[in-house]
Amino acid sequence: MLLFPLLLEATLLRLASSSHHPFYNGFYYNHLMNDKGNGQEKVDHFNGARLVVETPKDPIYSSNGANVTLPCHYHFEPDTEAKRKIRIKWSKLRDDYTKEQDVLVAIGKTYIAFGDFLGRAYLRQASRREASLVVSDVRLQDGGKYRCEVIDGLEDESDVVDLQLRGIVFPYQPPHGQYRLNFHEAEQVCQEQGAILATFNQLFQAWSEGLDWCNAGWLADGTVQYPIRLPRKPCGGLHLAPGIRSYGPRHRHLHRFDAFCFSSGLRGEVFYLDHPAGMTLEEAKQSCQDAGAEIARVGQLYSAWKFLGLDRCDAGWLADGSVRYPIAKPRANCGPAEPGVRSFGFPSKGRFGVFCYKER
């Protein structure tokens, strides 16, 4: 009795490697010689129904911690009622549409998910000829392009879905100063702050929403760029139009810059604690623990400001040792005239309040 499940699993794994062999499905391909003398040796004609795969042309939006469905449907032209041995494969793609990783493969109602998607991805087949992918507990790394591939014997058709996470891009430099991070260190510091390195598209979106920052930072593709809304001499010169300035790809080990991090929605809440005499960093951490929480990370503070409207004109410690405060409604004595997260840098001493984070 154990033989059939093992054989089925082996078949699914073989499909994931894209080395499947076609099987007969009731239709035939005819290879006809082309005698028009135009350099084409042959053309393929398919006697039967044509497989069509359809996905949404507009992006699908989600956020960190949510569940999302990536729609995919298929049909045949002309339509046929015959039962068909359909195989489904979902893959995550890089920006250049090459495969980054396998997500899920399925035959009938049986499927296998892979890697980070194990236990989080499954196939939705609520309607006839549906092959939609459901991803639960969406993570920051899940944003990107996904290919829905439908395989019917000799036919293999696919289409792409773009999953975009609602989030915020913020520039980050470590306590020891500007331009101290190689690419791998930039990845690490973003993760430590509850974020990931931003993509170019995420940085461009942030620029279109008003981000102006004159320090160059790493992006997820290994390029170094920075967004400028108001051209000025130290930031590429006055002669350049507003836009994203690029240094192009840099050496991931040797070159050092800041980082642009990306954070999305929160699974909990950020709140402020104070003490009449203020707190040191260690006292601040303990206060959050006493409240059943932890000291907030930079990405969590930015997300709370962006998505929950957190507004506090009191500076507070964060987990990286920086002191910041979020302003949603600018007012006197609370910094510049624009909304944003203000920073006091990384004070070596001083007493402040603290921003804490607690999961729901």
Protein backbone atom coordinates (compact mmCIF):
# COMPACT_ATOMS: atom_id res chain seq x y z
CA MET A 1 0.00 0.00 0.00
CA LEU A 2 2.98 2.34 0.50
CA LEU A 3 4.14 1.93 -3.10
CA PHE A 4 1.57 4.25 -4.74
CA PRO A 5 2.22 7.33 -2.53
CA LEU A 6 5.95 6.90 -3.06
CA LEU A 7 5.53 6.68 -6.82
CA LEU A 8 3.26 9.76 -6.82
CA GLU A 9 5.72 11.78 -4.77
CA ALA A 10 8.54 10.77 -7.10
CA THR A 11 6.45 11.94 -10.06
CA LEU A 12 5.78 15.32 -8.45
CA LEU A 13 9.43 15.84 -7.60
CA ARG A 14 10.39 14.96 -11.16
CA LEU A 15 7.89 17.53 -12.43
CA ALA A 16 9.44 20.20 -10.20
CA SER A 17 12.80 19.64 -11.86
CA SER A 18 11.20 20.41 -15.24
CA SER A 19 12.52 17.17 -16.67
CA HIS A 20 9.11 15.57 -17.23
CA HIS A 21 8.47 13.41 -20.27
CA PRO A 22 5.30 13.97 -22.31
CA PHE A 23 2.60 11.32 -22.35
CA TYR A 24 -0.14 10.63 -24.86
CA ASN A 25 -3.32 12.66 -24.24
CA GLY A 26 -5.51 11.76 -27.17
CA PHE A 27 -4.07 14.30 -29.62
CA TYR A 28 -1.24 14.19 -32.11
CA TYR A 29 1.34 16.60 -33.47
CA ASN A 30 1.98 16.46 -37.23
CA HIS A 31 5.43 17.58 -38.43
CA LEU A 32 5.01 18.91 -41.99
CA MET A 33 7.88 19.84 -44.27
CA ASN A 34 7.89 23.46 -45.36
CA ASP A 35 8.74 23.72 -49.08
CA LYS A 36 8.53 27.50 -49.37
CA GLY A 37 12.30 27.86 -49.40
CA ASN A 38 12.28 30.47 -46.62
CA GLY A 39 14.76 28.71 -44.37
CA GLN A 40 12.14 27.10 -42.15
CA GLU A 41 12.44 23.34 -42.23
CA LYS A 42 9.10 22.50 -40.66
CA VAL A 43 6.10 23.85 -38.84
CA ASP A 44 4.07 22.14 -36.12
CA HIS A 45 0.35 21.68 -36.41
CA PHE A 46 -1.69 20.45 -33.45
CA ASN A 47 -4.82 18.48 -34.24
CA GLY A 48 -7.11 19.13 -31.26
CA ALA A 49 -7.81 21.67 -28.51
CA ARG A 50 -5.41 24.47 -27.72
CA LEU A 51 -4.50 24.98 -24.05
CA VAL A 52 -4.88 28.56 -22.76
CA VAL A 53 -3.64 29.77 -19.32
CA GLU A 54 -4.88 33.06 -17.89
CA THR A 55 -3.75 35.13 -14.90
CA PRO A 56 -4.52 38.74 -13.87
CA LYS A 57 -2.59 41.40 -15.75
CA ASP A 58 -2.66 43.80 -12.78
CA PRO A 59 -0.54 43.11 -9.69
CA ILE A 60 -1.98 41.30 -6.68
CA TYR A 61 -1.37 43.25 -3.46
CA SER A 62 -0.86 41.83 0.00
CA SER A 63 1.08 42.54 3.19
CA ASN A 64 3.27 40.81 5.73
CA GLY A 65 1.41 38.13 7.72
CA ALA A 66 -1.67 38.07 5.47
CA ASN A 67 -3.02 35.30 3.24
CA VAL A 68 -3.11 35.84 -0.50
CA THR A 69 -4.50 34.04 -3.56
CA LEU A 70 -2.69 34.24 -6.91
CA PRO A 71 -5.44 33.51 -9.47
CA CYS A 72 -4.78 31.18 -12.38
CA HIS A 73 -7.31 29.51 -14.70
CA TYR A 74 -7.00 27.48 -17.86
CA HIS A 75 -9.30 26.33 -20.64
CA PHE A 76 -9.21 24.69 -24.04
CA GLU A 77 -10.09 26.15 -27.43
CA PRO A 78 -12.35 24.67 -28.62
CA ASP A 79 -13.72 23.56 -25.27
CA THR A 80 -13.72 19.86 -24.49
CA GLU A 81 -15.43 17.87 -21.76
CA ALA A 82 -12.95 15.00 -21.93
CA LYS A 83 -11.14 14.20 -18.69
CA ARG A 84 -7.52 15.23 -18.89
CA LYS A 85 -4.51 14.37 -16.77
CA ILE A 86 -3.48 17.92 -15.93
CA ARG A 87 -0.30 18.78 -14.05
CA ILE A 88 0.21 22.17 -12.37
CA LYS A 89 3.50 23.82 -11.47
CA TRP A 90 4.06 27.14 -9.67
CA SER A 91 7.50 28.80 -9.65
CA LYS A 92 8.83 32.06 -8.24
CA LEU A 93 10.77 34.12 -10.79
CA ARG A 94 13.56 36.64 -10.70
CA ASP A 95 13.04 40.07 -12.27
CA ASP A 96 14.46 38.76 -15.56
CA TYR A 97 11.85 35.94 -15.52
CA THR A 98 14.38 33.17 -14.88
CA LYS A 99 13.33 30.70 -12.20
CA GLU A 100 14.37 31.52 -8.66
CA GLN A 101 12.71 28.60 -6.87
CA ASP A 102 10.01 25.95 -7.12
CA VAL A 103 6.91 26.73 -5.09
CA LEU A 104 4.47 23.88 -5.70
CA VAL A 105 3.68 21.06 -8.11
CA ALA A 106 0.41 19.12 -8.33
CA ILE A 107 -1.25 16.25 -10.13
CA GLY A 108 -4.98 16.18 -9.56
CA LYS A 109 -5.71 16.86 -5.90
CA THR A 110 -2.24 15.84 -4.73
CA TYR A 111 0.48 18.47 -4.39
CA ILE A 112 3.89 19.10 -2.87
CA ALA A 113 5.18 22.51 -1.73
CA PHE A 114 8.88 23.31 -1.50
CA GLY A 115 11.37 25.28 0.59
CA ASP A 116 10.00 28.31 2.43
CA PHE A 117 6.55 27.57 1.02
CA LEU A 118 6.28 24.18 2.72
CA GLY A 119 3.20 24.26 4.92
CA ARG A 120 2.20 27.71 3.58
CA ALA A 121 1.24 27.08 -0.06
CA TYR A 122 -1.55 25.00 -1.54
CA LEU A 123 -3.57 24.78 -4.73
CA ARG A 124 -7.09 26.19 -4.86
CA GLN A 125 -9.35 24.37 -7.29
CA ALA A 126 -12.71 25.77 -6.21
CA SER A 127 -14.02 25.99 -9.77
CA ARG A 128 -13.59 23.99 -12.93
CA ARG A 129 -10.12 24.39 -14.46
CA GLU A 130 -8.81 26.58 -11.67
CA ALA A 131 -5.15 26.32 -10.64
CA SER A 132 -4.82 29.27 -8.24
CA LEU A 133 -2.03 29.36 -5.66
CA VAL A 134 -2.84 30.25 -2.05
CA VAL A 135 0.01 31.45 0.16
CA SER A 136 -0.66 31.87 3.87
CA ASP A 137 1.32 33.93 6.38
CA VAL A 138 2.89 36.05 3.63
CA ARG A 139 6.53 36.98 4.28
CA LEU A 140 8.55 39.94 3.07
CA GLN A 141 10.55 37.68 0.76
CA ASP A 142 7.36 36.46 -0.98
CA GLY A 143 6.94 39.57 -3.11
CA GLY A 144 7.74 39.11 -6.82
CA LYS A 145 6.65 37.35 -9.98
CA TYR A 146 5.14 33.84 -10.03
CA ARG A 147 4.64 31.56 -13.02
CA CYS A 148 1.54 29.37 -13.24
CA GLU A 149 2.36 26.50 -15.58
CA VAL A 150 -0.26 24.02 -16.81
CA ILE A 151 0.92 20.81 -18.47
CA ASP A 152 -1.41 18.66 -20.54
CA GLY A 153 0.59 15.89 -22.14
CA LEU A 154 2.54 17.49 -24.96
CA GLU A 155 1.09 20.92 -24.29
CA ASP A 156 2.74 23.23 -21.77
CA GLU A 157 1.39 26.76 -21.31
CA SER A 158 2.01 29.34 -18.60
CA ASP A 159 1.35 32.90 -17.47
CA VAL A 160 2.77 35.17 -14.78
CA VAL A 161 1.26 36.79 -11.67
CA ASP A 162 2.93 39.76 -9.97
CA LEU A 163 2.62 39.77 -6.16
CA GLN A 164 3.44 43.13 -4.61
CA LEU A 165 3.62 43.78 -0.89
CA ARG A 166 2.33 47.02 0.53
CA GLY A 167 5.19 48.45 2.51
CA ILE A 168 7.64 51.22 3.18
CA VAL A 169 11.26 51.80 2.16
CA PHE A 170 13.58 53.45 4.66
CA PRO A 171 17.29 54.28 4.46
CA TYR A 172 19.51 52.70 7.09
CA GLN A 173 23.07 53.19 8.24
CA PRO A 174 24.58 51.37 11.24
CA PRO A 175 25.80 52.94 14.50
CA HIS A 176 29.42 53.12 13.29
CA GLY A 177 28.60 55.59 10.53
CA GLN A 178 27.93 56.19 6.85
CA TYR A 179 29.01 53.82 4.07
CA ARG A 180 30.17 50.96 6.30
CA LEU A 181 28.15 48.05 4.85
CA ASN A 182 29.03 45.62 2.11
CA PHE A 183 26.11 43.91 0.38
CA HIS A 184 25.89 40.94 2.76
CA GLU A 185 26.12 43.16 5.83
CA ALA A 186 23.36 45.35 4.36
CA GLU A 187 21.15 42.27 4.00
CA GLN A 188 21.86 41.38 7.61
CA VAL A 189 21.13 44.79 9.13
CA CYS A 190 17.82 45.03 7.28
CA GLN A 191 16.80 41.62 8.63
CA GLU A 192 17.81 42.68 12.14
CA GLN A 193 15.44 45.64 11.81
CA GLY A 194 12.45 43.50 10.76
CA ALA A 195 12.92 44.23 7.08
CA ILE A 196 14.67 43.08 3.90
CA LEU A 197 16.74 44.87 1.28
CA ALA A 198 14.41 46.83 -0.99
CA THR A 199 14.05 46.09 -4.69
CA PHE A 200 14.42 48.77 -7.35
CA ASN A 201 10.64 48.80 -7.91
CA GLN A 202 10.05 49.35 -4.20
CA LEU A 203 12.58 52.20 -4.12
CA PHE A 204 11.00 53.74 -7.22
CA GLN A 205 7.57 53.58 -5.61
CA ALA A 206 8.96 55.23 -2.46
CA TRP A 207 10.56 57.95 -4.60
CA SER A 208 7.25 58.57 -6.38
CA GLU A 209 5.65 59.00 -2.93
CA GLY A 210 8.23 61.59 -1.88
CA LEU A 211 11.38 59.82 -0.64
CA ASP A 212 14.44 62.05 -1.15
CA TRP A 213 17.74 60.75 0.21
CA CYS A 214 21.23 61.82 -0.80
CA ASN A 215 23.13 58.78 0.56
CA ALA A 216 23.64 55.79 -1.74
CA GLY A 217 22.42 52.41 -0.52
CA TRP A 218 22.38 48.75 -1.51
CA LEU A 219 19.32 47.21 -3.17
CA ALA A 220 18.36 43.54 -3.32
CA ASP A 221 19.82 43.04 -6.81
CA GLY A 222 23.30 44.16 -5.73
CA THR A 223 23.07 47.61 -7.30
CA VAL A 224 23.67 50.85 -5.39
CA GLN A 225 21.21 53.71 -5.92
CA TYR A 226 19.57 56.67 -4.21
CA PRO A 227 16.33 58.66 -4.78
CA ILE A 228 16.38 62.41 -5.44
CA ARG A 229 13.27 64.58 -5.63
CA LEU A 230 15.04 67.93 -5.38
CA PRO A 231 18.25 68.05 -7.48
CA ARG A 232 21.20 69.70 -5.72
CA LYS A 233 24.97 69.85 -6.09
CA PRO A 234 26.00 67.17 -3.58
CA CYS A 235 23.40 64.73 -4.97
CA GLY A 236 24.38 64.26 -8.60
CA GLY A 237 24.33 67.95 -9.56
CA LEU A 238 21.73 70.54 -10.44
CA HIS A 239 21.72 69.63 -14.12
CA LEU A 240 20.11 66.20 -13.58
CA ALA A 241 16.37 65.75 -13.44
CA PRO A 242 14.72 64.26 -10.34
CA GLY A 243 14.87 60.47 -10.27
CA ILE A 244 16.78 57.44 -9.04
CA ARG A 245 20.55 57.97 -9.22
CA SER A 246 22.44 54.73 -9.85
CA TYR A 247 26.00 53.56 -9.28
CA GLY A 248 25.07 50.29 -10.98
CA PRO A 249 26.20 46.88 -9.69
CA ARG A 250 28.96 47.07 -7.09
CA HIS A 251 31.32 44.44 -5.68
CA ARG A 252 29.29 42.70 -2.98
CA HIS A 253 32.26 42.11 -0.67
CA LEU A 254 34.59 45.05 -1.24
CA HIS A 255 32.37 48.09 -1.78
CA ARG A 256 30.60 49.72 1.15
CA PHE A 257 27.47 51.86 1.26
CA ASP A 258 24.32 52.30 3.33
CA ALA A 259 21.17 50.21 2.80
CA PHE A 260 17.61 50.74 1.65
CA CYS A 261 15.37 48.42 3.65
CA PHE A 262 11.76 47.42 3.01
CA SER A 263 9.19 46.66 5.70
CA SER A 264 5.51 45.77 5.38
CA GLY A 265 2.46 45.52 7.64
CA LEU A 266 2.71 44.50 11.28
CA ARG A 267 1.36 41.42 13.03
CA GLY A 268 1.21 43.34 16.30
CA GLU A 269 1.34 46.86 17.73
CA VAL A 270 4.01 49.42 18.55
CA PHE A 271 3.49 51.45 21.71
CA TYR A 272 5.46 53.97 23.74
CA LEU A 273 6.60 53.65 27.37
CA ASP A 274 8.08 56.47 29.41
CA HIS A 275 9.58 57.06 32.83
CA PRO A 276 9.74 60.43 34.62
CA ALA A 277 13.55 60.28 34.66
CA GLY A 278 13.88 58.58 31.27
CA MET A 279 15.65 55.25 30.73
CA THR A 280 18.96 53.93 29.53
CA LEU A 281 18.90 51.48 26.64
CA GLU A 282 19.13 48.48 28.98
CA GLU A 283 16.40 49.86 31.22
CA ALA A 284 14.25 50.45 28.15
CA LYS A 285 14.64 46.83 27.02
CA GLN A 286 13.65 45.63 30.48
CA SER A 287 10.59 47.90 30.55
CA CYS A 288 9.33 46.38 27.30
CA GLN A 289 9.87 42.87 28.67
CA ASP A 290 7.99 43.77 31.85
CA ALA A 291 5.08 44.85 29.63
CA GLY A 292 5.06 41.46 27.86
CA ALA A 293 6.66 42.91 24.75
CA GLU A 294 10.08 43.53 23.23
CA ILE A 295 11.89 46.68 22.23
CA ALA A 296 10.76 47.67 18.73
CA ARG A 297 12.96 47.48 15.65
CA VAL A 298 13.40 50.30 13.18
CA GLY A 299 11.30 48.59 10.50
CA GLN A 300 8.46 48.08 12.96
CA LEU A 301 8.44 51.76 13.90
CA TYR A 302 8.36 52.80 10.24
CA SER A 303 5.50 50.35 9.52
CA ALA A 304 3.50 51.58 12.52
CA TRP A 305 3.98 55.16 11.34
CA LYS A 306 3.07 54.36 7.72
CA PHE A 307 0.16 51.96 8.17
CA LEU A 308 -1.21 52.68 11.66
CA GLY A 309 -0.62 56.42 11.79
CA LEU A 310 1.61 56.22 14.87
CA ASP A 311 2.31 59.78 16.00
CA ARG A 312 4.44 60.53 19.05
CA CYS A 313 6.45 63.67 19.66
CA ASP A 314 8.63 61.93 22.24
CA ALA A 315 11.95 60.30 21.39
CA GLY A 316 12.36 56.65 22.27
CA TRP A 317 14.95 53.90 22.15
CA LEU A 318 14.84 51.20 19.49
CA ALA A 319 16.52 47.79 19.40
CA ASP A 320 19.54 48.93 17.39
CA GLY A 321 20.44 51.58 19.97
CA SER A 322 19.05 54.45 17.93
CA VAL A 323 16.61 57.03 19.28
CA ARG A 324 13.72 58.05 17.00
CA TYR A 325 10.13 59.27 17.01
CA PRO A 326 7.29 59.09 14.44
CA ILE A 327 5.32 62.14 13.34
CA ALA A 328 2.18 61.65 11.25
CA LYS A 329 0.83 65.17 11.86
CA PRO A 330 3.65 67.75 11.74
CA ARG A 331 3.46 70.50 14.35
CA ALA A 332 5.63 72.97 16.19
CA ASN A 333 8.52 71.56 18.23
CA CYS A 334 8.23 68.15 16.53
CA GLY A 335 10.75 68.50 13.72
CA PRO A 336 10.37 69.46 10.04
CA ALA A 337 7.12 70.40 8.33
CA GLU A 338 6.80 67.01 6.60
CA PRO A 339 5.55 63.77 8.18
CA GLY A 340 8.24 61.20 8.87
CA VAL A 341 10.30 59.27 11.37
CA ARG A 342 12.78 61.62 13.06
CA SER A 343 16.15 60.37 14.28
CA PHE A 344 18.50 61.43 17.06
CA GLY A 345 21.11 58.97 15.81
CA PHE A 346 22.83 56.54 18.19
CA PRO A 347 23.50 58.38 21.46
CA SER A 348 26.20 56.80 23.61
CA LYS A 349 24.45 58.05 26.72
CA GLY A 350 21.22 59.73 27.64
CA ARG A 351 17.81 58.81 29.02
CA PHE A 352 14.71 58.51 26.84
CA GLY A 353 11.44 56.69 26.57
CA VAL A 354 11.13 53.47 24.53
CA PHE A 355 9.05 52.09 21.68
CA CYS A 356 7.94 48.52 22.33
CA TYR A 357 6.43 45.92 20.01
CA LYS A 358 3.96 43.22 20.99
CA GLU A 359 2.53 40.47 18.77
CA ARG A 360 -1.23 40.22 18.63
